[in-house]
Amino acid sequence: MDKHPPIFWTSMAVFATPIIPAAIAAIRLVRNRENRNFSTLLPLSIVVASFLFMFSGGLHPAIWGPDYSNLRFRVIGGNFILSLAAALLAVTARPKLQMWTLASALMLSAVWAFVYAINSVV
C-alpha cells in the first residue's frame, strides 16, 4: 500500500508544472545552436537543478534537512533566491529565446515560496 495520501500526489503534480516550460526551453536550445552560449544555458541549468532538488526533497524531505531546522529554511530560501536569479538572467539574455526559461523560473519561485510558507507553519 502507498504511504502517501492522494493529496500528496496532487501537490507533487502541481509542483512539477515548472518543468514543462523548462523542457520547451531545453528543446529550443538544442535546436537553435547559434544562440547556445553561457548566458542561455546558465539560467536553464539553475532552473533544472533547483527543480530536481525540489522534487527529490518532496519525495524524501530529509534531503532538505531536519524538520524546523535553520538548514531546511536556508535550503528552501536559497533555492527561492536562485530561481529568482535565474529569472533575472533569463530576462537579460535574449527575451525571445529565454521566454520559456523565464516562465519556468518564475513558476519555480512561486513553488519555492509556497514550500517555504508551508514549512514555516506546519
Protein backbone atom coordinates (compact mmCIF):
# COMPACT_ATOMS: atom_id res chain seq x y z
CA MET A 1 0.00 0.00 0.00
CA ASP A 2 1.17 3.51 -0.78
CA LYS A 3 2.29 5.51 2.25
CA HIS A 4 1.35 8.88 0.75
CA PRO A 5 -2.25 10.16 0.58
CA PRO A 6 -3.75 11.30 -2.75
CA ILE A 7 -3.31 14.98 -1.82
CA PHE A 8 0.44 14.38 -1.70
CA TRP A 9 0.50 13.17 -5.30
CA THR A 10 -1.78 16.02 -6.35
CA SER A 11 0.57 18.57 -4.81
CA MET A 12 3.59 16.87 -6.38
CA ALA A 13 1.88 17.12 -9.78
CA VAL A 14 1.32 20.84 -9.23
CA PHE A 15 4.93 21.25 -8.07
CA ALA A 16 6.08 19.54 -11.27
CA THR A 17 4.49 22.12 -13.58
CA PRO A 18 7.65 24.31 -13.87
CA ILE A 19 9.38 21.50 -15.73
CA ILE A 20 7.03 21.90 -18.73
CA PRO A 21 8.32 25.32 -19.85
CA ALA A 22 11.86 24.25 -18.88
CA ALA A 23 11.58 21.26 -21.22
CA ILE A 24 10.33 23.52 -24.02
CA ALA A 25 13.28 25.86 -23.39
CA ALA A 26 15.72 22.95 -23.47
CA ILE A 27 14.28 21.67 -26.75
CA ARG A 28 14.58 25.15 -28.28
CA LEU A 29 18.17 25.48 -27.12
CA VAL A 30 19.08 22.11 -28.60
CA ARG A 31 17.53 23.05 -31.94
CA ASN A 32 18.97 26.59 -32.03
CA ARG A 33 22.73 26.05 -31.96
CA GLU A 34 23.84 29.57 -32.83
CA ASN A 35 22.18 31.04 -29.72
CA ARG A 36 23.52 28.38 -27.36
CA ASN A 37 26.03 30.07 -25.07
CA PHE A 38 26.73 30.56 -21.38
CA SER A 39 24.08 33.26 -20.93
CA THR A 40 21.35 30.99 -22.29
CA LEU A 41 22.48 27.74 -20.66
CA LEU A 42 23.10 29.10 -17.13
CA PRO A 43 19.52 30.14 -16.27
CA LEU A 44 18.11 26.90 -17.63
CA SER A 45 20.70 24.86 -15.72
CA ILE A 46 19.83 26.66 -12.48
CA VAL A 47 16.12 26.06 -13.01
CA VAL A 48 16.56 22.36 -13.77
CA ALA A 49 18.92 21.78 -10.82
CA SER A 50 16.62 23.62 -8.44
CA PHE A 51 13.61 21.73 -9.77
CA LEU A 52 15.31 18.37 -9.31
CA PHE A 53 16.31 19.35 -5.77
CA MET A 54 12.74 20.49 -5.02
CA PHE A 55 11.17 17.34 -6.42
CA SER A 56 13.61 15.00 -4.68
CA GLY A 57 13.04 16.86 -1.42
CA GLY A 58 9.30 16.48 -1.90
CA LEU A 59 9.69 12.73 -2.16
CA HIS A 60 12.31 12.49 0.62
CA PRO A 61 12.04 15.60 2.87
CA ALA A 62 15.16 14.70 4.88
CA ILE A 63 17.23 15.82 1.88
CA TRP A 64 16.42 19.44 2.79
CA GLY A 65 17.49 18.95 6.40
CA PRO A 66 15.71 18.14 9.65
CA ASP A 67 12.19 19.46 10.23
CA TYR A 68 12.01 23.01 11.65
CA SER A 69 15.77 23.48 11.32
CA ASN A 70 17.65 26.53 10.13
CA LEU A 71 19.28 24.35 7.49
CA ARG A 72 15.91 23.49 5.93
CA PHE A 73 14.84 27.14 5.79
CA ARG A 74 18.19 28.20 4.33
CA VAL A 75 17.99 25.49 1.67
CA ILE A 76 14.44 26.44 0.71
CA GLY A 77 15.18 30.18 0.83
CA GLY A 78 18.40 29.73 -1.13
CA ASN A 79 16.61 27.86 -3.88
CA PHE A 80 13.94 30.56 -3.97
CA ILE A 81 16.65 33.20 -4.46
CA LEU A 82 18.42 31.05 -7.06
CA SER A 83 15.24 30.64 -9.08
CA LEU A 84 14.65 34.40 -8.95
CA ALA A 85 18.25 34.94 -10.08
CA ALA A 86 17.66 32.52 -12.97
CA ALA A 87 14.58 34.56 -13.93
CA LEU A 88 16.67 37.75 -13.89
CA LEU A 89 19.38 36.10 -16.00
CA ALA A 90 16.75 34.85 -18.45
CA VAL A 91 15.34 38.36 -18.85
CA THR A 92 18.75 39.86 -19.56
CA ALA A 93 19.95 37.17 -22.01
CA ARG A 94 17.64 37.08 -25.04
CA PRO A 95 14.00 37.70 -24.22
CA LYS A 96 12.50 35.78 -27.16
CA LEU A 97 14.68 32.73 -26.69
CA GLN A 98 14.54 32.82 -22.88
CA MET A 99 10.78 33.33 -22.53
CA TRP A 100 10.25 29.68 -21.56
CA THR A 101 13.15 29.70 -19.10
CA LEU A 102 11.75 32.87 -17.55
CA ALA A 103 8.31 31.30 -17.20
CA SER A 104 9.78 28.18 -15.64
CA ALA A 105 11.95 30.18 -13.22
CA LEU A 106 9.03 32.32 -12.07
CA MET A 107 6.80 29.27 -11.63
CA LEU A 108 9.56 27.56 -9.66
CA SER A 109 9.98 30.66 -7.50
CA ALA A 110 6.29 30.54 -6.68
CA VAL A 111 6.57 26.85 -5.75
CA TRP A 112 9.59 27.52 -3.51
CA ALA A 113 7.74 30.41 -1.84
CA PHE A 114 4.79 28.10 -1.19
CA VAL A 115 7.07 25.37 0.18
CA TYR A 116 8.74 27.94 2.44
CA ALA A 117 5.38 29.11 3.74
CA ILE A 118 4.15 25.57 4.37
CA ASN A 119 7.35 24.55 6.14
CA SER A 120 7.25 27.61 8.38
CA VAL A 121 3.69 26.89 9.52
CA VAL A 122 3.42 23.12 9.69
